[in-house]
PDB file of all heavy atoms in Angstrom:
ATOM      1  N   MET A   1      22.473 211.851 138.773  1.00  0.00           N
ATOM      2  CA  MET A   1      22.657 211.742 137.331  1.00  0.00           C
ATOM      3  C   MET A   1      21.369 211.290 136.649  1.00  0.00           C
ATOM      4  O   MET A   1      20.996 211.805 135.583  1.00  0.00           O
ATOM      5  CB  MET A   1      23.784 210.747 137.016  1.00  0.00           C
ATOM      6  CG  MET A   1      24.077 210.579 135.539  1.00  0.00           C
ATOM      7  SD  MET A   1      24.994 209.068 135.106  1.00  0.00           S
ATOM      8  CE  MET A   1      23.667 207.839 135.184  1.00  0.00           C
ATOM      9  N   LEU A   2      20.667 210.318 137.261  1.00  0.00           N
ATOM     10  CA  LEU A   2      19.427 209.819 136.672  1.00  0.00           C
ATOM     11  C   LEU A   2      18.370 210.921 136.587  1.00  0.00           C
ATOM     12  O   LEU A   2      17.628 211.007 135.603  1.00  0.00           O
ATOM     13  CB  LEU A   2      18.878 208.650 137.496  1.00  0.00           C
ATOM     14  CG  LEU A   2      19.747 207.388 137.555  1.00  0.00           C
ATOM     15  CD1 LEU A   2      19.061 206.317 138.399  1.00  0.00           C
ATOM     16  CD2 LEU A   2      20.022 206.848 136.160  1.00  0.00           C
ATOM     17  N   VAL A   3      18.319 211.772 137.612  1.00  0.00           N
ATOM     18  CA  VAL A   3      17.351 212.883 137.603  1.00  0.00           C
ATOM     19  C   VAL A   3      17.746 213.920 136.557  1.00  0.00           C
ATOM     20  O   VAL A   3      16.909 214.378 135.758  1.00  0.00           O
ATOM     21  CB  VAL A   3      17.249 213.522 139.000  1.00  0.00           C
ATOM     22  CG1 VAL A   3      16.361 214.765 138.948  1.00  0.00           C
ATOM     23  CG2 VAL A   3      16.708 212.528 140.012  1.00  0.00           C
ATOM     24  N   ASP A   4      19.018 214.311 136.529  1.00  0.00           N
ATOM     25  CA  ASP A   4      19.477 215.329 135.588  1.00  0.00           C
ATOM     26  C   ASP A   4      19.363 214.883 134.133  1.00  0.00           C
ATOM     27  O   ASP A   4      19.279 215.724 133.227  1.00  0.00           O
ATOM     28  CB  ASP A   4      20.938 215.690 135.894  1.00  0.00           C
ATOM     29  CG  ASP A   4      21.091 216.433 137.204  1.00  0.00           C
ATOM     30  OD1 ASP A   4      20.072 216.948 137.710  1.00  0.00           O
ATOM     31  OD2 ASP A   4      22.222 216.496 137.740  1.00  0.00           O
ATOM     32  N   MET A   5      19.356 213.576 133.923  1.00  0.00           N
ATOM     33  CA  MET A   5      19.281 213.058 132.561  1.00  0.00           C
ATOM     34  C   MET A   5      17.984 213.467 131.873  1.00  0.00           C
ATOM     35  O   MET A   5      17.931 213.585 130.644  1.00  0.00           O
ATOM     36  CB  MET A   5      19.406 211.532 132.606  1.00  0.00           C
ATOM     37  CG  MET A   5      19.318 210.832 131.276  1.00  0.00           C
ATOM     38  SD  MET A   5      19.631 209.057 131.450  1.00  0.00           S
ATOM     39  CE  MET A   5      18.354 208.578 132.610  1.00  0.00           C
ATOM     40  N   PHE A   6      16.915 213.688 132.623  1.00  0.00           N
ATOM     41  CA  PHE A   6      15.615 214.014 132.033  1.00  0.00           C
ATOM     42  C   PHE A   6      15.377 215.516 131.907  1.00  0.00           C
ATOM     43  O   PHE A   6      14.327 215.928 131.416  1.00  0.00           O
ATOM     44  CB  PHE A   6      14.500 213.385 132.877  1.00  0.00           C
ATOM     45  CG  PHE A   6      14.511 211.879 132.847  1.00  0.00           C
ATOM     46  CD1 PHE A   6      15.127 211.153 133.850  1.00  0.00           C
ATOM     47  CD2 PHE A   6      13.908 211.192 131.804  1.00  0.00           C
ATOM     48  CE1 PHE A   6      15.139 209.766 133.821  1.00  0.00           C
ATOM     49  CE2 PHE A   6      13.914 209.805 131.757  1.00  0.00           C
ATOM     50  CZ  PHE A   6      14.533 209.091 132.770  1.00  0.00           C
ATOM     51  N   LYS A   7      16.329 216.322 132.337  1.00  0.00           N
ATOM     52  CA  LYS A   7      16.184 217.774 132.228  1.00  0.00           C
ATOM     53  C   LYS A   7      16.621 218.264 130.846  1.00  0.00           C
ATOM     54  O   LYS A   7      17.510 217.689 130.237  1.00  0.00           O
ATOM     55  CB  LYS A   7      17.016 218.468 133.307  1.00  0.00           C
ATOM     56  CG  LYS A   7      16.574 218.159 134.729  1.00  0.00           C
ATOM     57  CD  LYS A   7      17.477 218.856 135.737  1.00  0.00           C
ATOM     58  CE  LYS A   7      17.039 218.550 137.164  1.00  0.00           C
ATOM     59  NZ  LYS A   7      17.951 219.182 138.173  1.00  0.00           N
ATOM     60  N   SER A   8      15.990 219.330 130.366  1.00  0.00           N
ATOM     61  CA  SER A   8      16.338 219.958 129.076  1.00  0.00           C
ATOM     62  C   SER A   8      16.524 218.920 127.975  1.00  0.00           C
ATOM     63  O   SER A   8      17.632 218.726 127.452  1.00  0.00           O
ATOM     64  CB  SER A   8      17.611 220.796 129.228  1.00  0.00           C
ATOM     65  OG  SER A   8      17.474 221.762 130.235  1.00  0.00           O
ATOM     66  N   PRO A   9      15.452 218.212 127.605  1.00  0.00           N
ATOM     67  CA  PRO A   9      15.589 217.149 126.613  1.00  0.00           C
ATOM     68  C   PRO A   9      16.032 217.652 125.239  1.00  0.00           C
ATOM     69  O   PRO A   9      15.688 218.775 124.832  1.00  0.00           O
ATOM     70  CB  PRO A   9      14.183 216.532 126.545  1.00  0.00           C
ATOM     71  CG  PRO A   9      13.274 217.613 127.040  1.00  0.00           C
ATOM     72  CD  PRO A   9      14.059 218.377 128.058  1.00  0.00           C
ATOM     73  N   THR A  10      16.787 216.833 124.548  1.00  0.00           N
ATOM     74  CA  THR A  10      17.251 217.153 123.196  1.00  0.00           C
ATOM     75  C   THR A  10      16.079 217.059 122.224  1.00  0.00           C
ATOM     76  O   THR A  10      15.134 216.295 122.431  1.00  0.00           O
ATOM     77  CB  THR A  10      18.353 216.156 122.784  1.00  0.00           C
ATOM     78  OG1 THR A  10      19.380 216.170 123.783  1.00  0.00           O
ATOM     79  CG2 THR A  10      18.950 216.508 121.435  1.00  0.00           C
ATOM     80  N   LYS A  11      16.121 217.849 121.148  1.00  0.00           N
ATOM     81  CA  LYS A  11      15.049 217.819 120.152  1.00  0.00           C
ATOM     82  C   LYS A  11      14.860 216.409 119.609  1.00  0.00           C
ATOM     83  O   LYS A  11      15.818 215.673 119.388  1.00  0.00           O
ATOM     84  CB  LYS A  11      15.384 218.784 119.008  1.00  0.00           C
ATOM     85  CG  LYS A  11      15.376 220.248 119.415  1.00  0.00           C
ATOM     86  CD  LYS A  11      15.687 221.155 118.240  1.00  0.00           C
ATOM     87  CE  LYS A  11      15.662 222.621 118.659  1.00  0.00           C
ATOM     88  NZ  LYS A  11      16.002 223.520 117.533  1.00  0.00           N
ATOM     89  N   TRP A  12      13.596 216.063 119.343  1.00  0.00           N
ATOM     90  CA  TRP A  12      13.255 214.690 118.968  1.00  0.00           C
ATOM     91  C   TRP A  12      13.932 214.256 117.670  1.00  0.00           C
ATOM     92  O   TRP A  12      14.368 213.114 117.551  1.00  0.00           O
ATOM     93  CB  TRP A  12      11.749 214.539 118.858  1.00  0.00           C
ATOM     94  CG  TRP A  12      11.341 213.217 118.273  1.00  0.00           C
ATOM     95  CD1 TRP A  12      10.700 212.979 117.113  1.00  0.00           C
ATOM     96  CD2 TRP A  12      11.584 211.919 118.855  1.00  0.00           C
ATOM     97  NE1 TRP A  12      10.515 211.636 116.914  1.00  0.00           N
ATOM     98  CE2 TRP A  12      11.051 210.951 117.964  1.00  0.00           C
ATOM     99  CE3 TRP A  12      12.207 211.483 120.034  1.00  0.00           C
ATOM    100  CZ2 TRP A  12      11.128 209.587 118.227  1.00  0.00           C
ATOM    101  CZ3 TRP A  12      12.280 210.124 120.283  1.00  0.00           C
ATOM    102  CH2 TRP A  12      11.746 209.195 119.380  1.00  0.00           C
ATOM    103  N   ARG A  13      14.019 215.143 116.679  1.00  0.00           N
ATOM    104  CA  ARG A  13      14.608 214.731 115.393  1.00  0.00           C
ATOM    105  C   ARG A  13      16.075 214.351 115.554  1.00  0.00           C
ATOM    106  O   ARG A  13      16.591 213.505 114.815  1.00  0.00           O
ATOM    107  CB  ARG A  13      14.445 215.834 114.345  1.00  0.00           C
ATOM    108  CG  ARG A  13      15.151 217.128 114.654  1.00  0.00           C
ATOM    109  CD  ARG A  13      14.893 218.164 113.564  1.00  0.00           C
ATOM    110  NE  ARG A  13      15.560 219.423 113.873  1.00  0.00           N
ATOM    111  CZ  ARG A  13      16.828 219.680 113.599  1.00  0.00           C
ATOM    112  NH1 ARG A  13      17.576 218.753 113.012  1.00  0.00           N
ATOM    113  NH2 ARG A  13      17.373 220.837 113.919  1.00  0.00           N
ATOM    114  N   ILE A  14      16.742 214.929 116.540  1.00  0.00           N
ATOM    115  CA  ILE A  14      18.128 214.550 116.828  1.00  0.00           C
ATOM    116  C   ILE A  14      18.159 213.310 117.710  1.00  0.00           C
ATOM    117  O   ILE A  14      18.932 212.372 117.478  1.00  0.00           O
ATOM    118  CB  ILE A  14      18.872 215.716 117.511  1.00  0.00           C
ATOM    119  CG1 ILE A  14      18.918 216.939 116.578  1.00  0.00           C
ATOM    120  CG2 ILE A  14      20.290 215.302 117.910  1.00  0.00           C
ATOM    121  CD1 ILE A  14      19.505 218.180 117.220  1.00  0.00           C
ATOM    122  N   MET A  15      17.305 213.296 118.728  1.00  0.00           N
ATOM    123  CA  MET A  15      17.264 212.178 119.662  1.00  0.00           C
ATOM    124  C   MET A  15      16.902 210.878 118.966  1.00  0.00           C
ATOM    125  O   MET A  15      17.435 209.805 119.290  1.00  0.00           O
ATOM    126  CB  MET A  15      16.269 212.480 120.784  1.00  0.00           C
ATOM    127  CG  MET A  15      16.143 211.401 121.841  1.00  0.00           C
ATOM    128  SD  MET A  15      17.702 211.046 122.695  1.00  0.00           S
ATOM    129  CE  MET A  15      17.923 212.582 123.613  1.00  0.00           C
ATOM    130  N   LYS A  16      15.990 210.958 117.990  1.00  0.00           N
ATOM    131  CA  LYS A  16      15.560 209.757 117.277  1.00  0.00           C
ATOM    132  C   LYS A  16      16.747 209.061 116.615  1.00  0.00           C
ATOM    133  O   LYS A  16      16.894 207.842 116.705  1.00  0.00           O
ATOM    134  CB  LYS A  16      14.506 210.144 116.233  1.00  0.00           C
ATOM    135  CG  LYS A  16      14.015 208.995 115.370  1.00  0.00           C
ATOM    136  CD  LYS A  16      12.949 209.479 114.385  1.00  0.00           C
ATOM    137  CE  LYS A  16      13.555 210.485 113.410  1.00  0.00           C
ATOM    138  NZ  LYS A  16      12.568 210.895 112.371  1.00  0.00           N
ATOM    139  N   ASN A  17      17.594 209.835 115.963  1.00  0.00           N
ATOM    140  CA  ASN A  17      18.772 209.255 115.300  1.00  0.00           C
ATOM    141  C   ASN A  17      19.745 208.661 116.315  1.00  0.00           C
ATOM    142  O   ASN A  17      20.351 207.612 116.071  1.00  0.00           O
ATOM    143  CB  ASN A  17      19.481 210.323 114.460  1.00  0.00           C
ATOM    144  CG  ASN A  17      18.631 210.791 113.287  1.00  0.00           C
ATOM    145  OD1 ASN A  17      17.827 210.019 112.760  1.00  0.00           O
ATOM    146  ND2 ASN A  17      18.792 212.044 112.879  1.00  0.00           N
ATOM    147  N   LEU A  18      19.888 209.339 117.454  1.00  0.00           N
ATOM    148  CA  LEU A  18      20.776 208.831 118.499  1.00  0.00           C
ATOM    149  C   LEU A  18      20.261 207.504 119.060  1.00  0.00           C
ATOM    150  O   LEU A  18      21.043 206.579 119.303  1.00  0.00           O
ATOM    151  CB  LEU A  18      20.895 209.862 119.635  1.00  0.00           C
ATOM    152  CG  LEU A  18      21.587 211.178 119.293  1.00  0.00           C
ATOM    153  CD1 LEU A  18      21.472 212.158 120.460  1.00  0.00           C
ATOM    154  CD2 LEU A  18      23.053 210.939 118.960  1.00  0.00           C
ATOM    155  N   ILE A  19      18.942 207.392 119.244  1.00  0.00           N
ATOM    156  CA  ILE A  19      18.355 206.163 119.791  1.00  0.00           C
ATOM    157  C   ILE A  19      18.563 204.993 118.839  1.00  0.00           C
ATOM    158  O   ILE A  19      18.983 203.903 119.246  1.00  0.00           O
ATOM    159  CB  ILE A  19      16.854 206.368 120.087  1.00  0.00           C
ATOM    160  CG1 ILE A  19      16.673 207.331 121.267  1.00  0.00           C
ATOM    161  CG2 ILE A  19      16.173 205.025 120.385  1.00  0.00           C
ATOM    162  CD1 ILE A  19      15.249 207.754 121.516  1.00  0.00           C
ATOM    163  N   PHE A  20      18.298 205.220 117.543  1.00  0.00           N
ATOM    164  CA  PHE A  20      18.481 204.144 116.561  1.00  0.00           C
ATOM    165  C   PHE A  20      19.948 203.731 116.453  1.00  0.00           C
ATOM    166  O   PHE A  20      20.260 202.548 116.259  1.00  0.00           O
ATOM    167  CB  PHE A  20      17.951 204.569 115.199  1.00  0.00           C
ATOM    168  CG  PHE A  20      16.454 204.548 115.099  1.00  0.00           C
ATOM    169  CD1 PHE A  20      15.758 205.657 114.652  1.00  0.00           C
ATOM    170  CD2 PHE A  20      15.735 203.423 115.473  1.00  0.00           C
ATOM    171  CE1 PHE A  20      14.375 205.638 114.567  1.00  0.00           C
ATOM    172  CE2 PHE A  20      14.354 203.387 115.396  1.00  0.00           C
ATOM    173  CZ  PHE A  20      13.664 204.504 114.939  1.00  0.00           C
ATOM    174  N   LYS A  21      20.839 204.694 116.604  1.00  0.00           N
ATOM    175  CA  LYS A  21      22.272 204.384 116.568  1.00  0.00           C
ATOM    176  C   LYS A  21      22.654 203.491 117.750  1.00  0.00           C
ATOM    177  O   LYS A  21      23.417 202.526 117.589  1.00  0.00           O
ATOM    178  CB  LYS A  21      23.089 205.679 116.597  1.00  0.00           C
ATOM    179  CG  LYS A  21      24.597 205.478 116.659  1.00  0.00           C
ATOM    180  CD  LYS A  21      25.313 206.816 116.673  1.00  0.00           C
ATOM    181  CE  LYS A  21      26.805 206.646 116.816  1.00  0.00           C
ATOM    182  NZ  LYS A  21      27.201 206.070 118.110  1.00  0.00           N
ATOM    183  N   GLU A  22      22.126 203.805 118.932  1.00  0.00           N
ATOM    184  CA  GLU A  22      22.443 203.008 120.119  1.00  0.00           C
ATOM    185  C   GLU A  22      21.806 201.622 120.050  1.00  0.00           C
ATOM    186  O   GLU A  22      22.425 200.638 120.479  1.00  0.00           O
ATOM    187  CB  GLU A  22      21.975 203.740 121.385  1.00  0.00           C
ATOM    188  CG  GLU A  22      22.647 205.077 121.640  1.00  0.00           C
ATOM    189  CD  GLU A  22      24.143 204.959 121.828  1.00  0.00           C
ATOM    190  OE1 GLU A  22      24.648 203.849 122.071  1.00  0.00           O
ATOM    191  OE2 GLU A  22      24.822 205.998 121.753  1.00  0.00           O
ATOM    192  N   ILE A  23      20.598 201.516 119.511  1.00  0.00           N
ATOM    193  CA  ILE A  23      19.966 200.201 119.352  1.00  0.00           C
ATOM    194  C   ILE A  23      20.812 199.333 118.430  1.00  0.00           C
ATOM    195  O   ILE A  23      21.039 198.146 118.693  1.00  0.00           O
ATOM    196  CB  ILE A  23      18.528 200.347 118.811  1.00  0.00           C
ATOM    197  CG1 ILE A  23      17.624 200.965 119.882  1.00  0.00           C
ATOM    198  CG2 ILE A  23      17.976 198.989 118.369  1.00  0.00           C
ATOM    199  CD1 ILE A  23      16.217 201.260 119.406  1.00  0.00           C
ATOM    200  N   ASP A  24      21.291 199.935 117.348  1.00  0.00           N
ATOM    201  CA  ASP A  24      22.118 199.185 116.402  1.00  0.00           C
ATOM    202  C   ASP A  24      23.416 198.722 117.051  1.00  0.00           C
ATOM    203  O   ASP A  24      23.837 197.579 116.879  1.00  0.00           O
ATOM    204  CB  ASP A  24      22.414 200.059 115.181  1.00  0.00           C
ATOM    205  CG  ASP A  24      23.285 199.337 114.158  1.00  0.00           C
ATOM    206  OD1 ASP A  24      22.850 198.314 113.606  1.00  0.00           O
ATOM    207  OD2 ASP A  24      24.413 199.808 113.923  1.00  0.00           O
ATOM    208  N   GLU A  25      24.036 199.593 117.821  1.00  0.00           N
ATOM    209  CA  GLU A  25      25.338 199.278 118.414  1.00  0.00           C
ATOM    210  C   GLU A  25      25.212 198.341 119.613  1.00  0.00           C
ATOM    211  O   GLU A  25      25.946 197.358 119.727  1.00  0.00           O
ATOM    212  CB  GLU A  25      26.036 200.567 118.850  1.00  0.00           C
ATOM    213  CG  GLU A  25      27.410 200.363 119.449  1.00  0.00           C
ATOM    214  CD  GLU A  25      28.398 199.743 118.476  1.00  0.00           C
ATOM    215  OE1 GLU A  25      28.373 200.131 117.291  1.00  0.00           O
ATOM    216  OE2 GLU A  25      29.176 198.869 118.894  1.00  0.00           O
ATOM    217  N   LEU A  26      24.253 198.631 120.503  1.00  0.00           N
ATOM    218  CA  LEU A  26      24.165 197.886 121.758  1.00  0.00           C
ATOM    219  C   LEU A  26      23.375 196.589 121.634  1.00  0.00           C
ATOM    220  O   LEU A  26      23.759 195.570 122.226  1.00  0.00           O
ATOM    221  CB  LEU A  26      23.521 198.759 122.843  1.00  0.00           C
ATOM    222  CG  LEU A  26      24.259 200.053 123.215  1.00  0.00           C
ATOM    223  CD1 LEU A  26      23.454 200.823 124.244  1.00  0.00           C
ATOM    224  CD2 LEU A  26      25.649 199.755 123.733  1.00  0.00           C
ATOM    225  N   ILE A  27      22.290 196.594 120.879  1.00  0.00           N
ATOM    226  CA  ILE A  27      21.406 195.426 120.806  1.00  0.00           C
ATOM    227  C   ILE A  27      21.694 194.582 119.567  1.00  0.00           C
ATOM    228  O   ILE A  27      22.052 193.401 119.685  1.00  0.00           O
ATOM    229  CB  ILE A  27      19.925 195.867 120.818  1.00  0.00           C
ATOM    230  CG1 ILE A  27      19.646 196.772 122.030  1.00  0.00           C
ATOM    231  CG2 ILE A  27      19.021 194.640 120.823  1.00  0.00           C
ATOM    232  CD1 ILE A  27      19.924 196.146 123.375  1.00  0.00           C
ATOM    233  N   ILE A  28      21.559 195.182 118.399  1.00  0.00           N
ATOM    234  CA  ILE A  28      21.798 194.431 117.158  1.00  0.00           C
ATOM    235  C   ILE A  28      23.244 193.953 117.097  1.00  0.00           C
ATOM    236  O   ILE A  28      23.525 192.824 116.690  1.00  0.00           O
ATOM    237  CB  ILE A  28      21.461 195.289 115.928  1.00  0.00           C
ATOM    238  CG1 ILE A  28      20.025 195.831 116.012  1.00  0.00           C
ATOM    239  CG2 ILE A  28      21.641 194.473 114.639  1.00  0.00           C
ATOM    240  CD1 ILE A  28      18.962 194.776 116.103  1.00  0.00           C
ATOM    241  N   GLY A  29      24.168 194.805 117.519  1.00  0.00           N
ATOM    242  CA  GLY A  29      25.582 194.434 117.488  1.00  0.00           C
ATOM    243  C   GLY A  29      25.941 193.314 118.450  1.00  0.00           C
ATOM    244  O   GLY A  29      27.006 192.707 118.318  1.00  0.00           O
ATOM    245  N   SER A  30      25.070 193.037 119.409  1.00  0.00           N
ATOM    246  CA  SER A  30      25.336 191.972 120.390  1.00  0.00           C
ATOM    247  C   SER A  30      24.690 190.647 120.010  1.00  0.00           C
ATOM    248  O   SER A  30      24.889 189.651 120.716  1.00  0.00           O
ATOM    249  CB  SER A  30      24.819 192.407 121.774  1.00  0.00           C
ATOM    250  OG  SER A  30      25.441 193.594 122.208  1.00  0.00           O
ATOM    251  N   LEU A  31      23.918 190.617 118.939  1.00  0.00           N
ATOM    252  CA  LEU A  31      23.182 189.406 118.567  1.00  0.00           C
ATOM    253  C   LEU A  31      24.116 188.215 118.334  1.00  0.00           C
ATOM    254  O   LEU A  31      23.828 187.099 118.771  1.00  0.00           O
ATOM    255  CB  LEU A  31      22.351 189.663 117.304  1.00  0.00           C
ATOM    256  CG  LEU A  31      20.934 190.199 117.515  1.00  0.00           C
ATOM    257  CD1 LEU A  31      20.290 190.532 116.177  1.00  0.00           C
ATOM    258  CD2 LEU A  31      20.087 189.199 118.280  1.00  0.00           C
ATOM    259  N   GLY A  32      25.218 188.451 117.652  1.00  0.00           N
ATOM    260  CA  GLY A  32      26.125 187.365 117.308  1.00  0.00           C
ATOM    261  C   GLY A  32      26.679 186.652 118.526  1.00  0.00           C
ATOM    262  O   GLY A  32      26.563 185.418 118.645  1.00  0.00           O
ATOM    263  N   ILE A  33      27.251 187.409 119.454  1.00  0.00           N
ATOM    264  CA  ILE A  33      27.856 186.806 120.641  1.00  0.00           C
ATOM    265  C   ILE A  33      26.789 186.181 121.537  1.00  0.00           C
ATOM    266  O   ILE A  33      27.016 185.128 122.146  1.00  0.00           O
ATOM    267  CB  ILE A  33      28.693 187.869 121.423  1.00  0.00           C
ATOM    268  CG1 ILE A  33      29.433 187.208 122.586  1.00  0.00           C
ATOM    269  CG2 ILE A  33      27.817 189.000 121.928  1.00  0.00           C
ATOM    270  CD1 ILE A  33      30.491 186.233 122.159  1.00  0.00           C
ATOM    271  N   VAL A  34      25.596 186.792 121.605  1.00  0.00           N
ATOM    272  CA  VAL A  34      24.518 186.236 122.425  1.00  0.00           C
ATOM    273  C   VAL A  34      24.039 184.895 121.863  1.00  0.00           C
ATOM    274  O   VAL A  34      23.849 183.928 122.613  1.00  0.00           O
ATOM    275  CB  VAL A  34      23.344 187.241 122.522  1.00  0.00           C
ATOM    276  CG1 VAL A  34      22.099 186.564 123.090  1.00  0.00           C
ATOM    277  CG2 VAL A  34      23.727 188.421 123.398  1.00  0.00           C
ATOM    278  N   CYS A  35      23.860 184.818 120.551  1.00  0.00           N
ATOM    279  CA  CYS A  35      23.422 183.561 119.931  1.00  0.00           C
ATOM    280  C   CYS A  35      24.471 182.471 120.115  1.00  0.00           C
ATOM    281  O   CYS A  35      24.138 181.313 120.436  1.00  0.00           O
ATOM    282  CB  CYS A  35      23.137 183.778 118.444  1.00  0.00           C
ATOM    283  SG  CYS A  35      21.675 184.783 118.117  1.00  0.00           S
ATOM    284  N   PHE A  36      25.733 182.827 119.925  1.00  0.00           N
ATOM    285  CA  PHE A  36      26.817 181.850 120.075  1.00  0.00           C
ATOM    286  C   PHE A  36      26.861 181.291 121.497  1.00  0.00           C
ATOM    287  O   PHE A  36      26.883 180.070 121.710  1.00  0.00           O
ATOM    288  CB  PHE A  36      28.146 182.511 119.715  1.00  0.00           C
ATOM    289  CG  PHE A  36      29.349 181.626 119.916  1.00  0.00           C
ATOM    290  CD1 PHE A  36      29.710 180.694 118.957  1.00  0.00           C
ATOM    291  CD2 PHE A  36      30.118 181.729 121.068  1.00  0.00           C
ATOM    292  CE1 PHE A  36      30.819 179.869 119.144  1.00  0.00           C
ATOM    293  CE2 PHE A  36      31.226 180.920 121.264  1.00  0.00           C
ATOM    294  CZ  PHE A  36      31.572 179.988 120.299  1.00  0.00           C
ATOM    295  N   LEU A  37      26.860 182.185 122.490  1.00  0.00           N
ATOM    296  CA  LEU A  37      26.938 181.754 123.885  1.00  0.00           C
ATOM    297  C   LEU A  37      25.698 180.969 124.295  1.00  0.00           C
ATOM    298  O   LEU A  37      25.798 179.945 124.971  1.00  0.00           O
ATOM    299  CB  LEU A  37      27.100 182.973 124.795  1.00  0.00           C
ATOM    300  CG  LEU A  37      28.439 183.710 124.729  1.00  0.00           C
ATOM    301  CD1 LEU A  37      28.373 184.987 125.547  1.00  0.00           C
ATOM    302  CD2 LEU A  37      29.568 182.825 125.228  1.00  0.00           C
ATOM    303  N   SER A  38      24.530 181.436 123.871  1.00  0.00           N
ATOM    304  CA  SER A  38      23.279 180.792 124.280  1.00  0.00           C
ATOM    305  C   SER A  38      23.195 179.367 123.756  1.00  0.00           C
ATOM    306  O   SER A  38      22.752 178.455 124.468  1.00  0.00           O
ATOM    307  CB  SER A  38      22.081 181.609 123.786  1.00  0.00           C
ATOM    308  OG  SER A  38      22.105 182.907 124.332  1.00  0.00           O
ATOM    309  N   PHE A  39      23.598 179.160 122.505  1.00  0.00           N
ATOM    310  CA  PHE A  39      23.534 177.823 121.911  1.00  0.00           C
ATOM    311  C   PHE A  39      24.374 176.836 122.713  1.00  0.00           C
ATOM    312  O   PHE A  39      23.901 175.744 123.082  1.00  0.00           O
ATOM    313  CB  PHE A  39      24.013 177.869 120.458  1.00  0.00           C
ATOM    314  CG  PHE A  39      23.949 176.546 119.753  1.00  0.00           C
ATOM    315  CD1 PHE A  39      22.792 176.156 119.102  1.00  0.00           C
ATOM    316  CD2 PHE A  39      25.038 175.679 119.756  1.00  0.00           C
ATOM    317  CE1 PHE A  39      22.719 174.924 118.458  1.00  0.00           C
ATOM    318  CE2 PHE A  39      24.983 174.453 119.117  1.00  0.00           C
ATOM    319  CZ  PHE A  39      23.819 174.072 118.465  1.00  0.00           C
ATOM    320  N   PHE A  40      25.589 177.219 123.021  1.00  0.00           N
ATOM    321  CA  PHE A  40      26.482 176.282 123.706  1.00  0.00           C
ATOM    322  C   PHE A  40      26.164 176.174 125.193  1.00  0.00           C
ATOM    323  O   PHE A  40      26.406 175.125 125.802  1.00  0.00           O
ATOM    324  CB  PHE A  40      27.942 176.673 123.467  1.00  0.00           C
ATOM    325  CG  PHE A  40      28.405 176.353 122.085  1.00  0.00           C
ATOM    326  CD1 PHE A  40      28.477 177.330 121.112  1.00  0.00           C
ATOM    327  CD2 PHE A  40      28.737 175.048 121.736  1.00  0.00           C
ATOM    328  CE1 PHE A  40      28.881 177.018 119.817  1.00  0.00           C
ATOM    329  CE2 PHE A  40      29.138 174.732 120.449  1.00  0.00           C
ATOM    330  CZ  PHE A  40      29.217 175.721 119.485  1.00  0.00           C
ATOM    331  N   ILE A  41      25.627 177.241 125.798  1.00  0.00           N
ATOM    332  CA  ILE A  41      25.171 177.129 127.195  1.00  0.00           C
ATOM    333  C   ILE A  41      24.032 176.125 127.281  1.00  0.00           C
ATOM    334  O   ILE A  41      24.015 175.249 128.148  1.00  0.00           O
ATOM    335  CB  ILE A  41      24.726 178.505 127.733  1.00  0.00           C
ATOM    336  CG1 ILE A  41      25.939 179.400 127.985  1.00  0.00           C
ATOM    337  CG2 ILE A  41      23.939 178.328 129.037  1.00  0.00           C
ATOM    338  CD1 ILE A  41      25.575 180.824 128.324  1.00  0.00           C
ATOM    339  N   GLY A  42      23.063 176.245 126.363  1.00  0.00           N
ATOM    340  CA  GLY A  42      21.951 175.293 126.345  1.00  0.00           C
ATOM    341  C   GLY A  42      22.421 173.867 126.120  1.00  0.00           C
ATOM    342  O   GLY A  42      21.934 172.927 126.764  1.00  0.00           O
ATOM    343  N   ALA A  43      23.407 173.703 125.221  1.00  0.00           N
ATOM    344  CA  ALA A  43      23.941 172.365 124.942  1.00  0.00           C
ATOM    345  C   ALA A  43      24.638 171.789 126.165  1.00  0.00           C
ATOM    346  O   ALA A  43      24.430 170.616 126.524  1.00  0.00           O
ATOM    347  CB  ALA A  43      24.905 172.444 123.755  1.00  0.00           C
ATOM    348  N   VAL A  44      25.457 172.602 126.830  1.00  0.00           N
ATOM    349  CA  VAL A  44      26.196 172.126 128.003  1.00  0.00           C
ATOM    350  C   VAL A  44      25.251 171.796 129.153  1.00  0.00           C
ATOM    351  O   VAL A  44      25.422 170.770 129.835  1.00  0.00           O
ATOM    352  CB  VAL A  44      27.243 173.178 128.441  1.00  0.00           C
ATOM    353  CG1 VAL A  44      27.825 172.829 129.797  1.00  0.00           C
ATOM    354  CG2 VAL A  44      28.355 173.290 127.403  1.00  0.00           C
ATOM    355  N   VAL A  45      24.244 172.649 129.390  1.00  0.00           N
ATOM    356  CA  VAL A  45      23.274 172.384 130.457  1.00  0.00           C
ATOM    357  C   VAL A  45      22.564 171.050 130.218  1.00  0.00           C
ATOM    358  O   VAL A  45      22.387 170.238 131.137  1.00  0.00           O
ATOM    359  CB  VAL A  45      22.247 173.532 130.553  1.00  0.00           C
ATOM    360  CG1 VAL A  45      21.069 173.132 131.432  1.00  0.00           C
ATOM    361  CG2 VAL A  45      22.903 174.781 131.103  1.00  0.00           C
ATOM    362  N   THR A  46      22.176 170.809 128.979  1.00  0.00           N
ATOM    363  CA  THR A  46      21.470 169.566 128.650  1.00  0.00           C
ATOM    364  C   THR A  46      22.376 168.354 128.842  1.00  0.00           C
ATOM    365  O   THR A  46      21.954 167.340 129.424  1.00  0.00           O
ATOM    366  CB  THR A  46      20.965 169.628 127.194  1.00  0.00           C
ATOM    367  OG1 THR A  46      20.090 170.747 127.049  1.00  0.00           O
ATOM    368  CG2 THR A  46      20.218 168.356 126.826  1.00  0.00           C
TER     369      THR A  46
END
């Protein structure tokens, strides 16, 4: 699957929008829960 993923790449103008959508959903969308957990993990460890 990892090898086939790089075959026949999608056009960049389409891929660019898909990448930004995934960054927003996977990374930006996870900021809240990551900040919440990190704060209290640091507090508990201390």
